[in-house]
Amino acid sequence: MLQQSNALRRLEETLTEAVTEGDRKQLSGPILLKAMKLSEQPQNIVDFYELLNKAEEEARSIRNKPKIDRYLQTLEELHQVFVVNHVWGIQWNTFAAHIENKGVL
């Protein structure tokens, strides 16, 4: 991902840690919160969605970078996967497989 922005960098770091360290048989919410260094309480998952939104906004604001449309599409697809699947109650493997198979990182 792009190294220019704070939210994009934080999202990349969070997802990288979650994919490499997270037990794929465990629920996704606690894995994401652990990667974000937040307490594993369901209401804190809103912080993940906020980070995802900020990363999308930052990517949209960086129009002069090559391949920005590809980054935007990847972020939009990722956002959709996290919205369509209930992040708190689904095994991490659902999201980790998408991140790896779609080349998100």
PDB file of N, CA and C in Angstrom:
ATOM      1  N   MET A   1       0.843  -1.191   0.000  1.00  0.00           N
ATOM      2  CA  MET A   1       0.000   0.000   0.000  1.00  0.00           C
ATOM      3  C   MET A   1       0.880   1.244   0.000  1.00  0.00           C
ATOM      4  N   LEU A   2       0.238   2.357  -0.116  1.00  0.00           N
ATOM      5  CA  LEU A   2       0.961   3.620  -0.168  1.00  0.00           C
ATOM      6  C   LEU A   2       1.597   3.945   1.181  1.00  0.00           C
ATOM      7  N   GLN A   3       2.769   4.502   1.141  1.00  0.00           N
ATOM      8  CA  GLN A   3       3.467   4.829   2.384  1.00  0.00           C
ATOM      9  C   GLN A   3       3.302   6.299   2.762  1.00  0.00           C
ATOM     10  N   GLN A   4       2.537   7.069   1.993  1.00  0.00           N
ATOM     11  CA  GLN A   4       2.417   8.507   2.207  1.00  0.00           C
ATOM     12  C   GLN A   4       1.513   8.862   3.384  1.00  0.00           C
ATOM     13  N   SER A   5       0.579   8.030   3.727  1.00  0.00           N
ATOM     14  CA  SER A   5      -0.453   8.482   4.632  1.00  0.00           C
ATOM     15  C   SER A   5      -0.515   7.692   5.918  1.00  0.00           C
ATOM     16  N   ASN A   6      -0.990   8.349   6.922  1.00  0.00           N
ATOM     17  CA  ASN A   6      -1.061   7.756   8.234  1.00  0.00           C
ATOM     18  C   ASN A   6      -2.111   6.653   8.321  1.00  0.00           C
ATOM     19  N   ALA A   7      -3.342   6.917   7.875  1.00  0.00           N
ATOM     20  CA  ALA A   7      -4.393   5.906   7.977  1.00  0.00           C
ATOM     21  C   ALA A   7      -4.091   4.704   7.080  1.00  0.00           C
ATOM     22  N   LEU A   8      -3.609   4.952   5.881  1.00  0.00           N
ATOM     23  CA  LEU A   8      -3.258   3.838   5.006  1.00  0.00           C
ATOM     24  C   LEU A   8      -2.140   2.990   5.624  1.00  0.00           C
ATOM     25  N   ARG A   9      -1.167   3.633   6.186  1.00  0.00           N
ATOM     26  CA  ARG A   9      -0.067   2.906   6.817  1.00  0.00           C
ATOM     27  C   ARG A   9      -0.566   2.113   8.022  1.00  0.00           C
ATOM     28  N   ARG A  10      -1.404   2.746   8.850  1.00  0.00           N
ATOM     29  CA  ARG A  10      -1.944   2.052  10.025  1.00  0.00           C
ATOM     30  C   ARG A  10      -2.811   0.870   9.618  1.00  0.00           C
ATOM     31  N   LEU A  11      -3.608   1.038   8.558  1.00  0.00           N
ATOM     32  CA  LEU A  11      -4.437  -0.062   8.088  1.00  0.00           C
ATOM     33  C   LEU A  11      -3.566  -1.211   7.593  1.00  0.00           C
ATOM     34  N   GLU A  12      -2.546  -0.875   6.827  1.00  0.00           N
ATOM     35  CA  GLU A  12      -1.640  -1.910   6.331  1.00  0.00           C
ATOM     36  C   GLU A  12      -0.958  -2.640   7.487  1.00  0.00           C
ATOM     37  N   GLU A  13      -0.471  -1.906   8.480  1.00  0.00           N
ATOM     38  CA  GLU A  13       0.190  -2.519   9.628  1.00  0.00           C
ATOM     39  C   GLU A  13      -0.778  -3.409  10.401  1.00  0.00           C
ATOM     40  N   THR A  14      -1.997  -2.921  10.597  1.00  0.00           N
ATOM     41  CA  THR A  14      -3.010  -3.689  11.333  1.00  0.00           C
ATOM     42  C   THR A  14      -3.332  -4.991  10.602  1.00  0.00           C
ATOM     43  N   LEU A  15      -3.592  -4.889   9.303  1.00  0.00           N
ATOM     44  CA  LEU A  15      -3.950  -6.085   8.542  1.00  0.00           C
ATOM     45  C   LEU A  15      -2.777  -7.052   8.427  1.00  0.00           C
ATOM     46  N   THR A  16      -1.572  -6.519   8.269  1.00  0.00           N
ATOM     47  CA  THR A  16      -0.389  -7.383   8.197  1.00  0.00           C
ATOM     48  C   THR A  16      -0.229  -8.176   9.484  1.00  0.00           C
ATOM     49  N   GLU A  17      -0.342  -7.484  10.619  1.00  0.00           N
ATOM     50  CA  GLU A  17      -0.216  -8.178  11.907  1.00  0.00           C
ATOM     51  C   GLU A  17      -1.334  -9.194  12.090  1.00  0.00           C
ATOM     52  N   ALA A  18      -2.548  -8.814  11.745  1.00  0.00           N
ATOM     53  CA  ALA A  18      -3.684  -9.722  11.912  1.00  0.00           C
ATOM     54  C   ALA A  18      -3.532 -10.966  11.041  1.00  0.00           C
ATOM     55  N   VAL A  19      -3.078 -10.781   9.797  1.00  0.00           N
ATOM     56  CA  VAL A  19      -2.927 -11.919   8.888  1.00  0.00           C
ATOM     57  C   VAL A  19      -1.784 -12.824   9.334  1.00  0.00           C
ATOM     58  N   THR A  20      -0.681 -12.233   9.778  1.00  0.00           N
ATOM     59  CA  THR A  20       0.480 -13.059  10.140  1.00  0.00           C
ATOM     60  C   THR A  20       0.373 -13.656  11.539  1.00  0.00           C
ATOM     61  N   GLU A  21      -0.288 -12.957  12.463  1.00  0.00           N
ATOM     62  CA  GLU A  21      -0.331 -13.412  13.853  1.00  0.00           C
ATOM     63  C   GLU A  21      -1.660 -14.029  14.264  1.00  0.00           C
ATOM     64  N   GLY A  22      -2.743 -13.681  13.553  1.00  0.00           N
ATOM     65  CA  GLY A  22      -4.071 -14.112  13.979  1.00  0.00           C
ATOM     66  C   GLY A  22      -4.344 -15.582  13.716  1.00  0.00           C
ATOM     67  N   ASP A  23      -4.955 -16.239  14.694  1.00  0.00           N
ATOM     68  CA  ASP A  23      -5.386 -17.630  14.559  1.00  0.00           C
ATOM     69  C   ASP A  23      -6.630 -17.639  13.676  1.00  0.00           C
ATOM     70  N   ARG A  24      -6.529 -18.262  12.539  1.00  0.00           N
ATOM     71  CA  ARG A  24      -7.601 -18.203  11.541  1.00  0.00           C
ATOM     72  C   ARG A  24      -8.874 -18.923  11.974  1.00  0.00           C
ATOM     73  N   LYS A  25      -8.795 -19.703  13.025  1.00  0.00           N
ATOM     74  CA  LYS A  25      -9.990 -20.386  13.523  1.00  0.00           C
ATOM     75  C   LYS A  25     -10.722 -19.543  14.569  1.00  0.00           C
ATOM     76  N   GLN A  26     -10.097 -18.462  15.000  1.00  0.00           N
ATOM     77  CA  GLN A  26     -10.708 -17.589  16.001  1.00  0.00           C
ATOM     78  C   GLN A  26     -11.589 -16.547  15.323  1.00  0.00           C
ATOM     79  N   LEU A  27     -12.395 -15.862  16.121  1.00  0.00           N
ATOM     80  CA  LEU A  27     -13.271 -14.819  15.593  1.00  0.00           C
ATOM     81  C   LEU A  27     -12.460 -13.602  15.173  1.00  0.00           C
ATOM     82  N   SER A  28     -12.927 -12.945  14.148  1.00  0.00           N
ATOM     83  CA  SER A  28     -12.186 -11.845  13.519  1.00  0.00           C
ATOM     84  C   SER A  28     -12.081 -10.596  14.382  1.00  0.00           C
ATOM     85  N   GLY A  29     -13.160 -10.225  15.043  1.00  0.00           N
ATOM     86  CA  GLY A  29     -13.171  -8.983  15.824  1.00  0.00           C
ATOM     87  C   GLY A  29     -12.032  -8.893  16.822  1.00  0.00           C
ATOM     88  N   PRO A  30     -11.896  -9.873  17.708  1.00  0.00           N
ATOM     89  CA  PRO A  30     -10.800  -9.814  18.682  1.00  0.00           C
ATOM     90  C   PRO A  30      -9.411  -9.792  18.039  1.00  0.00           C
ATOM     91  N   ILE A  31      -9.255 -10.466  16.914  1.00  0.00           N
ATOM     92  CA  ILE A  31      -7.955 -10.473  16.226  1.00  0.00           C
ATOM     93  C   ILE A  31      -7.621  -9.076  15.711  1.00  0.00           C
ATOM     94  N   LEU A  32      -8.594  -8.416  15.107  1.00  0.00           N
ATOM     95  CA  LEU A  32      -8.365  -7.055  14.603  1.00  0.00           C
ATOM     96  C   LEU A  32      -8.089  -6.089  15.747  1.00  0.00           C
ATOM     97  N   LEU A  33      -8.842  -6.214  16.830  1.00  0.00           N
ATOM     98  CA  LEU A  33      -8.633  -5.303  17.956  1.00  0.00           C
ATOM     99  C   LEU A  33      -7.263  -5.525  18.599  1.00  0.00           C
ATOM    100  N   LYS A  34      -6.845  -6.765  18.704  1.00  0.00           N
ATOM    101  CA  LYS A  34      -5.510  -7.043  19.244  1.00  0.00           C
ATOM    102  C   LYS A  34      -4.438  -6.412  18.355  1.00  0.00           C
ATOM    103  N   ALA A  35      -4.610  -6.527  17.036  1.00  0.00           N
ATOM    104  CA  ALA A  35      -3.648  -5.941  16.101  1.00  0.00           C
ATOM    105  C   ALA A  35      -3.637  -4.419  16.210  1.00  0.00           C
ATOM    106  N   MET A  36      -4.777  -3.832  16.597  1.00  0.00           N
ATOM    107  CA  MET A  36      -4.870  -2.382  16.760  1.00  0.00           C
ATOM    108  C   MET A  36      -4.479  -1.944  18.170  1.00  0.00           C
ATOM    109  N   LYS A  37      -4.150  -2.910  19.010  1.00  0.00           N
ATOM    110  CA  LYS A  37      -3.756  -2.650  20.401  1.00  0.00           C
ATOM    111  C   LYS A  37      -4.912  -2.032  21.200  1.00  0.00           C
ATOM    112  N   LEU A  38      -6.122  -2.534  20.950  1.00  0.00           N
ATOM    113  CA  LEU A  38      -7.309  -2.090  21.674  1.00  0.00           C
ATOM    114  C   LEU A  38      -7.850  -3.256  22.496  1.00  0.00           C
ATOM    115  N   SER A  39      -8.591  -2.938  23.556  1.00  0.00           N
ATOM    116  CA  SER A  39      -9.180  -4.013  24.353  1.00  0.00           C
ATOM    117  C   SER A  39     -10.225  -4.735  23.513  1.00  0.00           C
ATOM    118  N   GLU A  40     -10.334  -6.013  23.736  1.00  0.00           N
ATOM    119  CA  GLU A  40     -11.163  -6.870  22.899  1.00  0.00           C
ATOM    120  C   GLU A  40     -12.633  -6.809  23.314  1.00  0.00           C
ATOM    121  N   GLN A  41     -13.198  -5.634  23.242  1.00  0.00           N
ATOM    122  CA  GLN A  41     -14.608  -5.435  23.539  1.00  0.00           C
ATOM    123  C   GLN A  41     -15.319  -5.109  22.231  1.00  0.00           C
ATOM    124  N   PRO A  42     -16.497  -5.699  22.005  1.00  0.00           N
ATOM    125  CA  PRO A  42     -17.179  -5.541  20.716  1.00  0.00           C
ATOM    126  C   PRO A  42     -17.348  -4.092  20.256  1.00  0.00           C
ATOM    127  N   GLN A  43     -17.623  -3.180  21.159  1.00  0.00           N
ATOM    128  CA  GLN A  43     -17.851  -1.795  20.739  1.00  0.00           C
ATOM    129  C   GLN A  43     -16.596  -1.153  20.140  1.00  0.00           C
ATOM    130  N   ASN A  44     -15.433  -1.677  20.439  1.00  0.00           N
ATOM    131  CA  ASN A  44     -14.193  -1.103  19.911  1.00  0.00           C
ATOM    132  C   ASN A  44     -13.985  -1.402  18.427  1.00  0.00           C
ATOM    133  N   ILE A  45     -14.762  -2.324  17.857  1.00  0.00           N
ATOM    134  CA  ILE A  45     -14.599  -2.647  16.441  1.00  0.00           C
ATOM    135  C   ILE A  45     -14.953  -1.445  15.568  1.00  0.00           C
ATOM    136  N   VAL A  46     -15.702  -0.512  16.121  1.00  0.00           N
ATOM    137  CA  VAL A  46     -16.019   0.724  15.391  1.00  0.00           C
ATOM    138  C   VAL A  46     -14.718   1.439  15.010  1.00  0.00           C
ATOM    139  N   ASP A  47     -13.699   1.348  15.843  1.00  0.00           N
ATOM    140  CA  ASP A  47     -12.408   1.974  15.540  1.00  0.00           C
ATOM    141  C   ASP A  47     -11.781   1.379  14.278  1.00  0.00           C
ATOM    142  N   PHE A  48     -11.977   0.089  14.057  1.00  0.00           N
ATOM    143  CA  PHE A  48     -11.449  -0.524  12.840  1.00  0.00           C
ATOM    144  C   PHE A  48     -12.153   0.049  11.618  1.00  0.00           C
ATOM    145  N   TYR A  49     -13.484   0.144  11.681  1.00  0.00           N
ATOM    146  CA  TYR A  49     -14.231   0.698  10.543  1.00  0.00           C
ATOM    147  C   TYR A  49     -13.866   2.162  10.312  1.00  0.00           C
ATOM    148  N   GLU A  50     -13.618   2.884  11.381  1.00  0.00           N
ATOM    149  CA  GLU A  50     -13.193   4.281  11.242  1.00  0.00           C
ATOM    150  C   GLU A  50     -11.846   4.353  10.523  1.00  0.00           C
ATOM    151  N   LEU A  51     -10.928   3.484  10.889  1.00  0.00           N
ATOM    152  CA  LEU A  51      -9.625   3.432  10.222  1.00  0.00           C
ATOM    153  C   LEU A  51      -9.787   3.080   8.747  1.00  0.00           C
ATOM    154  N   LEU A  52     -10.639   2.137   8.452  1.00  0.00           N
ATOM    155  CA  LEU A  52     -10.895   1.746   7.070  1.00  0.00           C
ATOM    156  C   LEU A  52     -11.467   2.920   6.271  1.00  0.00           C
ATOM    157  N   ASN A  53     -12.398   3.648   6.863  1.00  0.00           N
ATOM    158  CA  ASN A  53     -12.968   4.829   6.199  1.00  0.00           C
ATOM    159  C   ASN A  53     -11.914   5.903   5.960  1.00  0.00           C
ATOM    160  N   LYS A  54     -11.093   6.174   6.970  1.00  0.00           N
ATOM    161  CA  LYS A  54     -10.048   7.191   6.824  1.00  0.00           C
ATOM    162  C   LYS A  54      -9.047   6.796   5.750  1.00  0.00           C
ATOM    163  N   ALA A  55      -8.710   5.515   5.686  1.00  0.00           N
ATOM    164  CA  ALA A  55      -7.774   5.043   4.666  1.00  0.00           C
ATOM    165  C   ALA A  55      -8.355   5.257   3.273  1.00  0.00           C
ATOM    166  N   GLU A  56      -9.646   4.983   3.117  1.00  0.00           N
ATOM    167  CA  GLU A  56     -10.286   5.224   1.818  1.00  0.00           C
ATOM    168  C   GLU A  56     -10.268   6.708   1.467  1.00  0.00           C
ATOM    169  N   GLU A  57     -10.585   7.548   2.435  1.00  0.00           N
ATOM    170  CA  GLU A  57     -10.573   9.002   2.199  1.00  0.00           C
ATOM    171  C   GLU A  57      -9.185   9.472   1.796  1.00  0.00           C
ATOM    172  N   GLU A  58      -8.173   9.001   2.490  1.00  0.00           N
ATOM    173  CA  GLU A  58      -6.802   9.395   2.164  1.00  0.00           C
ATOM    174  C   GLU A  58      -6.422   8.940   0.766  1.00  0.00           C
ATOM    175  N   ALA A  59      -6.791   7.718   0.422  1.00  0.00           N
ATOM    176  CA  ALA A  59      -6.462   7.216  -0.913  1.00  0.00           C
ATOM    177  C   ALA A  59      -7.137   8.064  -1.986  1.00  0.00           C
ATOM    178  N   ARG A  60      -8.374   8.479  -1.742  1.00  0.00           N
ATOM    179  CA  ARG A  60      -9.080   9.327  -2.715  1.00  0.00           C
ATOM    180  C   ARG A  60      -8.401  10.691  -2.855  1.00  0.00           C
ATOM    181  N   SER A  61      -7.802  11.173  -1.777  1.00  0.00           N
ATOM    182  CA  SER A  61      -7.181  12.501  -1.817  1.00  0.00           C
ATOM    183  C   SER A  61      -5.813  12.486  -2.492  1.00  0.00           C
ATOM    184  N   ILE A  62      -5.252  11.311  -2.707  1.00  0.00           N
ATOM    185  CA  ILE A  62      -3.933  11.176  -3.338  1.00  0.00           C
ATOM    186  C   ILE A  62      -4.150  10.847  -4.808  1.00  0.00           C
ATOM    187  N   ARG A  63      -4.474  11.826  -5.584  1.00  0.00           N
ATOM    188  CA  ARG A  63      -4.797  11.604  -6.989  1.00  0.00           C
ATOM    189  C   ARG A  63      -3.577  11.594  -7.898  1.00  0.00           C
ATOM    190  N   ASN A  64      -2.458  12.071  -7.437  1.00  0.00           N
ATOM    191  CA  ASN A  64      -1.290  12.180  -8.324  1.00  0.00           C
ATOM    192  C   ASN A  64      -0.396  10.949  -8.302  1.00  0.00           C
ATOM    193  N   LYS A  65      -0.773   9.941  -7.572  1.00  0.00           N
ATOM    194  CA  LYS A  65       0.062   8.736  -7.486  1.00  0.00           C
ATOM    195  C   LYS A  65      -0.330   7.733  -8.566  1.00  0.00           C
ATOM    196  N   PRO A  66       0.653   7.032  -9.115  1.00  0.00           N
ATOM    197  CA  PRO A  66       0.324   6.013 -10.112  1.00  0.00           C
ATOM    198  C   PRO A  66      -0.467   4.872  -9.477  1.00  0.00           C
ATOM    199  N   LYS A  67      -1.355   4.289 -10.233  1.00  0.00           N
ATOM    200  CA  LYS A  67      -2.140   3.129  -9.813  1.00  0.00           C
ATOM    201  C   LYS A  67      -3.092   3.421  -8.652  1.00  0.00           C
ATOM    202  N   ILE A  68      -3.429   4.703  -8.406  1.00  0.00           N
ATOM    203  CA  ILE A  68      -4.301   5.030  -7.275  1.00  0.00           C
ATOM    204  C   ILE A  68      -5.674   4.381  -7.429  1.00  0.00           C
ATOM    205  N   ASP A  69      -6.157   4.253  -8.667  1.00  0.00           N
ATOM    206  CA  ASP A  69      -7.472   3.632  -8.875  1.00  0.00           C
ATOM    207  C   ASP A  69      -7.475   2.178  -8.419  1.00  0.00           C
ATOM    208  N   ARG A  70      -6.367   1.500  -8.610  1.00  0.00           N
ATOM    209  CA  ARG A  70      -6.260   0.107  -8.154  1.00  0.00           C
ATOM    210  C   ARG A  70      -6.312   0.051  -6.630  1.00  0.00           C
ATOM    211  N   TYR A  71      -5.628   0.979  -5.974  1.00  0.00           N
ATOM    212  CA  TYR A  71      -5.669   1.032  -4.507  1.00  0.00           C
ATOM    213  C   TYR A  71      -7.082   1.302  -4.016  1.00  0.00           C
ATOM    214  N   LEU A  72      -7.752   2.246  -4.675  1.00  0.00           N
ATOM    215  CA  LEU A  72      -9.121   2.575  -4.284  1.00  0.00           C
ATOM    216  C   LEU A  72     -10.045   1.374  -4.463  1.00  0.00           C
ATOM    217  N   GLN A  73      -9.932   0.689  -5.566  1.00  0.00           N
ATOM    218  CA  GLN A  73     -10.768  -0.483  -5.793  1.00  0.00           C
ATOM    219  C   GLN A  73     -10.499  -1.558  -4.744  1.00  0.00           C
ATOM    220  N   THR A  74      -9.230  -1.775  -4.424  1.00  0.00           N
ATOM    221  CA  THR A  74      -8.867  -2.761  -3.409  1.00  0.00           C
ATOM    222  C   THR A  74      -9.459  -2.384  -2.060  1.00  0.00           C
ATOM    223  N   LEU A  75      -9.361  -1.108  -1.693  1.00  0.00           N
ATOM    224  CA  LEU A  75      -9.932  -0.648  -0.420  1.00  0.00           C
ATOM    225  C   LEU A  75     -11.454  -0.784  -0.401  1.00  0.00           C
ATOM    226  N   GLU A  76     -12.089  -0.438  -1.494  1.00  0.00           N
ATOM    227  CA  GLU A  76     -13.546  -0.550  -1.560  1.00  0.00           C
ATOM    228  C   GLU A  76     -13.987  -2.003  -1.446  1.00  0.00           C
ATOM    229  N   GLU A  77     -13.297  -2.908  -2.123  1.00  0.00           N
ATOM    230  CA  GLU A  77     -13.623  -4.331  -2.023  1.00  0.00           C
ATOM    231  C   GLU A  77     -13.409  -4.839  -0.600  1.00  0.00           C
ATOM    232  N   LEU A  78     -12.310  -4.419   0.015  1.00  0.00           N
ATOM    233  CA  LEU A  78     -12.022  -4.825   1.384  1.00  0.00           C
ATOM    234  C   LEU A  78     -13.113  -4.323   2.326  1.00  0.00           C
ATOM    235  N   HIS A  79     -13.489  -3.073   2.159  1.00  0.00           N
ATOM    236  CA  HIS A  79     -14.539  -2.483   2.988  1.00  0.00           C
ATOM    237  C   HIS A  79     -15.830  -3.291   2.832  1.00  0.00           C
ATOM    238  N   GLN A  80     -16.169  -3.633   1.592  1.00  0.00           N
ATOM    239  CA  GLN A  80     -17.386  -4.400   1.347  1.00  0.00           C
ATOM    240  C   GLN A  80     -17.330  -5.758   2.045  1.00  0.00           C
ATOM    241  N   VAL A  81     -16.188  -6.426   1.976  1.00  0.00           N
ATOM    242  CA  VAL A  81     -16.049  -7.735   2.617  1.00  0.00           C
ATOM    243  C   VAL A  81     -16.255  -7.605   4.134  1.00  0.00           C
ATOM    244  N   PHE A  82     -15.707  -6.539   4.723  1.00  0.00           N
ATOM    245  CA  PHE A  82     -15.848  -6.367   6.166  1.00  0.00           C
ATOM    246  C   PHE A  82     -17.260  -5.951   6.567  1.00  0.00           C
ATOM    247  N   VAL A  83     -18.003  -5.322   5.657  1.00  0.00           N
ATOM    248  CA  VAL A  83     -19.375  -4.917   5.970  1.00  0.00           C
ATOM    249  C   VAL A  83     -20.347  -6.077   5.748  1.00  0.00           C
ATOM    250  N   VAL A  84     -20.180  -6.792   4.655  1.00  0.00           N
ATOM    251  CA  VAL A  84     -21.093  -7.883   4.325  1.00  0.00           C
ATOM    252  C   VAL A  84     -20.983  -9.017   5.343  1.00  0.00           C
ATOM    253  N   ASN A  85     -19.783  -9.314   5.775  1.00  0.00           N
ATOM    254  CA  ASN A  85     -19.565 -10.360   6.776  1.00  0.00           C
ATOM    255  C   ASN A  85     -19.508  -9.700   8.151  1.00  0.00           C
ATOM    256  N   HIS A  86     -20.208 -10.276   9.089  1.00  0.00           N
ATOM    257  CA  HIS A  86     -20.227  -9.706  10.441  1.00  0.00           C
ATOM    258  C   HIS A  86     -18.870  -9.956  11.100  1.00  0.00           C
ATOM    259  N   VAL A  87     -18.059  -8.907  11.153  1.00  0.00           N
ATOM    260  CA  VAL A  87     -16.659  -9.038  11.570  1.00  0.00           C
ATOM    261  C   VAL A  87     -16.508  -9.628  12.974  1.00  0.00           C
ATOM    262  N   TRP A  88     -17.449  -9.391  13.851  1.00  0.00           N
ATOM    263  CA  TRP A  88     -17.285  -9.874  15.222  1.00  0.00           C
ATOM    264  C   TRP A  88     -17.530 -11.368  15.327  1.00  0.00           C
ATOM    265  N   GLY A  89     -18.389 -11.916  14.453  1.00  0.00           N
ATOM    266  CA  GLY A  89     -18.790 -13.298  14.637  1.00  0.00           C
ATOM    267  C   GLY A  89     -18.283 -14.290  13.612  1.00  0.00           C
ATOM    268  N   ILE A  90     -17.417 -13.867  12.709  1.00  0.00           N
ATOM    269  CA  ILE A  90     -16.926 -14.761  11.658  1.00  0.00           C
ATOM    270  C   ILE A  90     -15.450 -15.074  11.896  1.00  0.00           C
ATOM    271  N   GLN A  91     -15.076 -16.315  11.576  1.00  0.00           N
ATOM    272  CA  GLN A  91     -13.676 -16.713  11.742  1.00  0.00           C
ATOM    273  C   GLN A  91     -12.754 -15.812  10.920  1.00  0.00           C
ATOM    274  N   TRP A  92     -11.598 -15.561  11.462  1.00  0.00           N
ATOM    275  CA  TRP A  92     -10.611 -14.694  10.830  1.00  0.00           C
ATOM    276  C   TRP A  92     -10.212 -15.214   9.453  1.00  0.00           C
ATOM    277  N   ASN A  93     -10.264 -16.510   9.237  1.00  0.00           N
ATOM    278  CA  ASN A  93      -9.864 -17.077   7.953  1.00  0.00           C
ATOM    279  C   ASN A  93     -10.641 -16.462   6.783  1.00  0.00           C
ATOM    280  N   THR A  94     -11.898 -16.104   6.984  1.00  0.00           N
ATOM    281  CA  THR A  94     -12.706 -15.485   5.927  1.00  0.00           C
ATOM    282  C   THR A  94     -12.038 -14.221   5.408  1.00  0.00           C
ATOM    283  N   PHE A  95     -11.576 -13.384   6.329  1.00  0.00           N
ATOM    284  CA  PHE A  95     -10.967 -12.109   5.941  1.00  0.00           C
ATOM    285  C   PHE A  95      -9.513 -12.287   5.530  1.00  0.00           C
ATOM    286  N   ALA A  96      -8.780 -13.112   6.268  1.00  0.00           N
ATOM    287  CA  ALA A  96      -7.363 -13.328   5.950  1.00  0.00           C
ATOM    288  C   ALA A  96      -7.215 -13.898   4.546  1.00  0.00           C
ATOM    289  N   ALA A  97      -8.082 -14.822   4.171  1.00  0.00           N
ATOM    290  CA  ALA A  97      -8.014 -15.418   2.835  1.00  0.00           C
ATOM    291  C   ALA A  97      -8.291 -14.355   1.766  1.00  0.00           C
ATOM    292  N   HIS A  98      -9.261 -13.483   2.016  1.00  0.00           N
ATOM    293  CA  HIS A  98      -9.543 -12.412   1.052  1.00  0.00           C
ATOM    294  C   HIS A  98      -8.332 -11.486   0.912  1.00  0.00           C
ATOM    295  N   ILE A  99      -7.755 -11.103   2.035  1.00  0.00           N
ATOM    296  CA  ILE A  99      -6.604 -10.186   2.025  1.00  0.00           C
ATOM    297  C   ILE A  99      -5.455 -10.801   1.235  1.00  0.00           C
ATOM    298  N   GLU A 100      -5.200 -12.098   1.450  1.00  0.00           N
ATOM    299  CA  GLU A 100      -4.104 -12.747   0.744  1.00  0.00           C
ATOM    300  C   GLU A 100      -4.434 -13.005  -0.734  1.00  0.00           C
ATOM    301  N   ASN A 101      -5.631 -13.518  -1.001  1.00  0.00           N
ATOM    302  CA  ASN A 101      -6.002 -13.898  -2.373  1.00  0.00           C
ATOM    303  C   ASN A 101      -6.178 -12.692  -3.295  1.00  0.00           C
ATOM    304  N   LYS A 102      -6.566 -11.561  -2.747  1.00  0.00           N
ATOM    305  CA  LYS A 102      -6.792 -10.360  -3.560  1.00  0.00           C
ATOM    306  C   LYS A 102      -5.582  -9.432  -3.576  1.00  0.00           C
ATOM    307  N   GLY A 103      -4.478  -9.841  -2.919  1.00  0.00           N
ATOM    308  CA  GLY A 103      -3.266  -9.028  -2.917  1.00  0.00           C
ATOM    309  C   GLY A 103      -3.451  -7.682  -2.246  1.00  0.00           C
ATOM    310  N   VAL A 104      -4.238  -7.653  -1.173  1.00  0.00           N
ATOM    311  CA  VAL A 104      -4.538  -6.393  -0.509  1.00  0.00           C
ATOM    312  C   VAL A 104      -3.282  -5.731   0.043  1.00  0.00           C
ATOM    313  N   LEU A 105      -2.423  -6.493   0.648  1.00  0.00           N
ATOM    314  CA  LEU A 105      -1.227  -5.908   1.250  1.00  0.00           C
ATOM    315  C   LEU A 105      -0.161  -5.660   0.193  1.00  0.00           C
TER     316      LEU A 105
END
